[in-house]
Amino acid sequence: MITLPGTPEVELLVRPSTRARRLSLRISRLDGRVTMSVPKGTPRREAVKFAQERADWIRGHLKDIPTDVRPGFGDHVPFLGKPHQLVPAETRLVRLGDGVITLPSKAPDKIGPRLMALFKNEARQRLDLASRRYAAEIGYEVNRITLRDTRSRWGSCSSDGNLMYSWRLVMAPEEVLDYVAAHEVSHLAHMDHSARFWGQVEDICPDYQIHRKWLQKHGTDLHRYRFRD
């Protein structure tokens, strides 16, 4: 690790690499982590100098990264791409309404976990339905569907027909969720990203490029919401 003093203090993770030909910096828009790749054998003083010379650039980019959101009563969270206000009520159940999500007024510290449980349940139902519908269209069968909170990918498909999705997709517009299902199901036929694969995606999801661009532009925002510590 290298620490840049100042306001704010910045920590950089240094990763030596046999493939790196020069020093380079990468800042994750998901969590603000700063990583420096350096050719193996690079002296530490050289890495420190490189980071110090780019301190203003690093801090400038860190300022542009959206801050985390921990939802509370009165706040809005996206569901199927539309903002829903969190409303307290004398109830034991979490209820999904038109533009509102009603939660038990007691134990406000449990808002996050309760929302996450709701989103997981909704995501599972919608992704299961979309996946099996698309699989039937192309003549394949889905084996098992699992949900995770992944940051590096929205979904994956294994060679034995198992699909994995990020449950946060239920926060995106429904068409975007459907596109990811079509994308992963298409891997049942083509385990690559060849022209044939993208042709398969387009056959079952003609507007996929629009939804793919939405994820590229707005997907990071879905990870801003924190539902647990």
Protein backbone atom coordinates (compact mmCIF):
# COMPACT_ATOMS: atom_id res chain seq x y z
CA MET A 1 0.00 0.00 0.00
CA ILE A 2 1.01 3.61 -0.64
CA THR A 3 -0.61 6.44 1.32
CA LEU A 4 -0.85 9.94 -0.14
CA PRO A 5 -0.98 12.50 2.68
CA GLY A 6 -3.32 15.45 2.38
CA THR A 7 -7.05 16.10 2.41
CA PRO A 8 -8.44 13.60 1.96
CA GLU A 9 -5.74 11.03 2.64
CA VAL A 10 -5.69 8.49 -0.17
CA GLU A 11 -4.57 4.86 -0.05
CA LEU A 12 -3.34 3.12 -3.20
CA LEU A 13 -3.05 -0.61 -3.66
CA VAL A 14 0.14 -1.42 -5.58
CA ARG A 15 0.00 -4.52 -7.78
CA PRO A 16 3.25 -5.70 -9.41
CA SER A 17 2.60 -7.44 -12.73
CA THR A 18 4.82 -9.34 -15.13
CA ARG A 19 2.57 -8.15 -17.97
CA ALA A 20 2.66 -4.44 -17.09
CA ARG A 21 4.95 -2.40 -19.31
CA ARG A 22 4.44 0.91 -17.49
CA LEU A 23 2.95 2.34 -14.32
CA SER A 24 -0.79 2.93 -14.51
CA LEU A 25 -3.67 3.91 -12.23
CA ARG A 26 -7.23 2.65 -12.05
CA ILE A 27 -10.01 4.01 -9.85
CA SER A 28 -13.06 1.82 -9.28
CA ARG A 29 -16.35 3.70 -9.63
CA LEU A 30 -17.97 1.11 -7.40
CA ASP A 31 -16.01 1.63 -4.21
CA GLY A 32 -13.39 4.29 -5.00
CA ARG A 33 -10.49 1.86 -4.65
CA VAL A 34 -7.31 3.19 -6.27
CA THR A 35 -5.05 0.55 -7.80
CA MET A 36 -1.62 1.10 -9.30
CA SER A 37 -0.23 -1.53 -11.66
CA VAL A 38 3.56 -1.54 -11.87
CA PRO A 39 6.04 -3.67 -13.82
CA LYS A 40 7.52 -6.35 -11.58
CA GLY A 41 10.71 -5.12 -9.97
CA THR A 42 9.73 -1.43 -9.98
CA PRO A 43 11.40 0.35 -7.02
CA ARG A 44 8.95 1.56 -4.40
CA ARG A 45 10.31 5.11 -4.58
CA GLU A 46 9.43 5.24 -8.28
CA ALA A 47 5.87 4.11 -7.57
CA VAL A 48 5.53 6.68 -4.77
CA LYS A 49 6.80 9.48 -7.05
CA PHE A 50 4.37 8.43 -9.79
CA ALA A 51 1.45 8.54 -7.33
CA GLN A 52 2.48 11.88 -5.83
CA GLU A 53 2.73 13.52 -9.26
CA ARG A 54 -0.85 12.45 -9.97
CA ALA A 55 -2.34 13.19 -6.54
CA ASP A 56 -4.57 16.01 -7.81
CA TRP A 57 -5.82 13.83 -10.68
CA ILE A 58 -6.63 11.00 -8.26
CA ARG A 59 -8.53 13.24 -5.83
CA GLY A 60 -10.40 14.90 -8.68
CA HIS A 61 -11.68 11.55 -9.92
CA LEU A 62 -12.56 10.39 -6.42
CA LYS A 63 -14.79 13.45 -6.00
CA ASP A 64 -16.82 12.38 -9.02
CA ILE A 65 -17.70 8.98 -7.52
CA PRO A 66 -21.24 9.00 -6.07
CA THR A 67 -21.50 8.47 -2.33
CA ASP A 68 -23.22 5.45 -0.81
CA VAL A 69 -26.92 5.61 0.04
CA ARG A 70 -28.34 3.93 3.13
CA PRO A 71 -32.13 4.05 2.64
CA GLY A 72 -34.37 5.30 5.43
CA PHE A 73 -38.01 6.29 5.84
CA GLY A 74 -38.94 9.04 3.41
CA ASP A 75 -36.15 8.16 0.98
CA HIS A 76 -36.67 6.77 -2.50
CA VAL A 77 -35.14 3.61 -3.94
CA PRO A 78 -35.48 2.34 -7.51
CA PHE A 79 -37.60 -0.70 -8.26
CA LEU A 80 -37.93 -1.76 -11.90
CA GLY A 81 -36.37 1.58 -12.80
CA LYS A 82 -38.94 3.74 -10.98
CA PRO A 83 -38.42 5.56 -7.67
CA HIS A 84 -40.37 4.14 -4.74
CA GLN A 85 -40.71 6.02 -1.47
CA LEU A 86 -40.13 4.14 1.78
CA VAL A 87 -43.16 4.63 4.01
CA PRO A 88 -43.54 3.46 7.64
CA ALA A 89 -46.75 1.72 8.69
CA GLU A 90 -48.22 -0.28 11.56
CA THR A 91 -47.61 -3.61 9.88
CA ARG A 92 -45.37 -6.65 10.16
CA LEU A 93 -45.05 -7.11 6.40
CA VAL A 94 -43.19 -5.30 3.66
CA ARG A 95 -45.59 -4.30 0.92
CA LEU A 96 -44.80 -3.16 -2.59
CA GLY A 97 -47.22 -0.57 -3.96
CA ASP A 98 -47.49 1.95 -6.79
CA GLY A 99 -44.49 4.19 -6.20
CA VAL A 100 -44.24 3.24 -2.52
CA ILE A 101 -42.79 0.49 -0.40
CA THR A 102 -44.46 0.14 2.98
CA LEU A 103 -42.36 -1.21 5.85
CA PRO A 104 -42.92 -1.87 9.56
CA SER A 105 -42.47 1.39 11.45
CA LYS A 106 -40.74 -0.40 14.31
CA ALA A 107 -37.02 -1.26 14.14
CA PRO A 108 -35.96 1.28 11.49
CA ASP A 109 -32.51 -0.27 11.67
CA LYS A 110 -33.95 -3.24 9.77
CA ILE A 111 -35.07 -1.21 6.74
CA GLY A 112 -32.03 -2.28 4.72
CA PRO A 113 -32.29 -6.04 5.34
CA ARG A 114 -36.06 -5.98 4.76
CA LEU A 115 -35.65 -4.16 1.46
CA MET A 116 -32.93 -6.55 0.38
CA ALA A 117 -35.17 -9.52 1.15
CA LEU A 118 -37.98 -7.95 -0.89
CA PHE A 119 -35.70 -7.23 -3.85
CA LYS A 120 -34.19 -10.71 -3.79
CA ASN A 121 -37.62 -12.32 -3.82
CA GLU A 122 -38.84 -10.12 -6.67
CA ALA A 123 -35.62 -10.62 -8.63
CA ARG A 124 -35.78 -14.38 -8.27
CA GLN A 125 -39.33 -14.58 -9.58
CA ARG A 126 -38.77 -12.23 -12.52
CA LEU A 127 -35.38 -13.63 -13.56
CA ASP A 128 -36.59 -17.21 -13.28
CA LEU A 129 -39.60 -16.46 -15.47
CA ALA A 130 -37.59 -14.51 -18.07
CA SER A 131 -34.79 -17.07 -18.19
CA ARG A 132 -37.05 -20.06 -18.71
CA ARG A 133 -39.11 -18.19 -21.29
CA TYR A 134 -36.04 -17.27 -23.35
CA ALA A 135 -34.55 -20.75 -22.94
CA ALA A 136 -37.73 -22.30 -24.33
CA GLU A 137 -37.53 -19.94 -27.32
CA ILE A 138 -34.10 -21.23 -28.32
CA GLY A 139 -34.75 -24.86 -27.41
CA TYR A 140 -32.65 -25.17 -24.26
CA GLU A 141 -33.35 -25.79 -20.59
CA VAL A 142 -32.15 -23.88 -17.56
CA ASN A 143 -30.77 -26.01 -14.75
CA ARG A 144 -30.44 -23.87 -11.61
CA ILE A 145 -30.71 -20.13 -10.99
CA THR A 146 -28.86 -18.44 -8.14
CA LEU A 147 -28.71 -14.82 -6.99
CA ARG A 148 -25.67 -12.96 -5.70
CA ASP A 149 -24.60 -9.40 -5.03
CA THR A 150 -21.80 -9.31 -7.58
CA ARG A 151 -20.00 -6.15 -8.63
CA SER A 152 -17.97 -7.41 -11.56
CA ARG A 153 -20.84 -8.86 -13.60
CA TRP A 154 -24.62 -8.84 -13.82
CA GLY A 155 -24.93 -12.50 -14.66
CA SER A 156 -23.13 -15.63 -15.75
CA CYS A 157 -23.89 -18.99 -17.35
CA SER A 158 -22.07 -22.27 -16.74
CA SER A 159 -21.65 -25.08 -19.22
CA ASP A 160 -24.10 -27.26 -17.25
CA GLY A 161 -26.94 -24.75 -17.61
CA ASN A 162 -26.66 -22.98 -14.27
CA LEU A 163 -27.38 -19.26 -14.34
CA MET A 164 -26.28 -16.65 -11.83
CA TYR A 165 -27.65 -13.11 -11.59
CA SER A 166 -27.17 -10.04 -9.46
CA TRP A 167 -30.38 -9.45 -7.53
CA ARG A 168 -29.82 -5.71 -7.96
CA LEU A 169 -31.12 -6.07 -11.51
CA VAL A 170 -34.63 -5.74 -10.06
CA MET A 171 -33.76 -2.09 -9.38
CA ALA A 172 -33.19 -1.49 -13.10
CA PRO A 173 -35.97 -1.05 -15.68
CA GLU A 174 -37.76 -4.32 -16.40
CA GLU A 175 -36.52 -4.29 -20.00
CA VAL A 176 -32.93 -4.19 -18.74
CA LEU A 177 -33.54 -7.15 -16.43
CA ASP A 178 -35.03 -9.03 -19.37
CA TYR A 179 -32.02 -8.20 -21.54
CA VAL A 180 -29.59 -9.69 -19.00
CA ALA A 181 -31.73 -12.84 -18.87
CA ALA A 182 -31.64 -13.04 -22.68
CA HIS A 183 -27.88 -12.50 -22.63
CA GLU A 184 -27.17 -15.29 -20.18
CA VAL A 185 -29.63 -17.71 -21.76
CA SER A 186 -27.95 -17.13 -25.12
CA HIS A 187 -24.78 -18.52 -23.57
CA LEU A 188 -26.54 -21.87 -23.33
CA ALA A 189 -26.15 -22.01 -27.11
CA HIS A 190 -22.88 -20.08 -27.47
CA MET A 191 -20.39 -20.06 -24.59
CA ASP A 192 -18.54 -17.03 -25.96
CA HIS A 193 -19.20 -13.51 -27.22
CA SER A 194 -18.90 -14.31 -30.90
CA ALA A 195 -21.01 -12.80 -33.68
CA ARG A 196 -23.26 -15.86 -33.48
CA PHE A 197 -23.81 -15.22 -29.78
CA TRP A 198 -24.82 -11.58 -30.30
CA GLY A 199 -27.03 -12.66 -33.18
CA GLN A 200 -28.80 -15.05 -30.81
CA VAL A 201 -29.27 -12.25 -28.26
CA GLU A 202 -30.75 -9.99 -30.93
CA ASP A 203 -33.14 -12.71 -32.11
CA ILE A 204 -34.80 -12.97 -28.70
CA CYS A 205 -34.19 -9.40 -27.48
CA PRO A 206 -34.18 -7.10 -30.54
CA ASP A 207 -33.52 -3.88 -28.58
CA TYR A 208 -30.71 -5.37 -26.49
CA GLN A 209 -28.22 -2.64 -27.42
CA ILE A 210 -30.42 0.02 -25.79
CA HIS A 211 -30.65 -1.96 -22.55
CA ARG A 212 -26.96 -2.85 -22.62
CA LYS A 213 -26.07 0.85 -22.89
CA TRP A 214 -28.39 1.64 -19.96
CA LEU A 215 -26.44 -0.77 -17.77
CA GLN A 216 -23.12 0.64 -18.92
CA LYS A 217 -24.28 4.17 -18.08
CA HIS A 218 -26.37 3.63 -14.94
CA GLY A 219 -25.38 0.22 -13.59
CA THR A 220 -22.86 1.65 -11.14
CA ASP A 221 -25.62 3.69 -9.47
CA LEU A 222 -27.42 0.50 -8.44
CA HIS A 223 -24.42 -0.42 -6.30
CA ARG A 224 -24.58 2.84 -4.36
CA TYR A 225 -27.40 1.51 -2.22
CA ARG A 226 -26.26 -0.15 0.98
CA PHE A 227 -28.72 -2.49 2.64
CA ARG A 228 -26.44 -3.89 5.33
CA ASP A 229 -23.08 -3.17 6.93
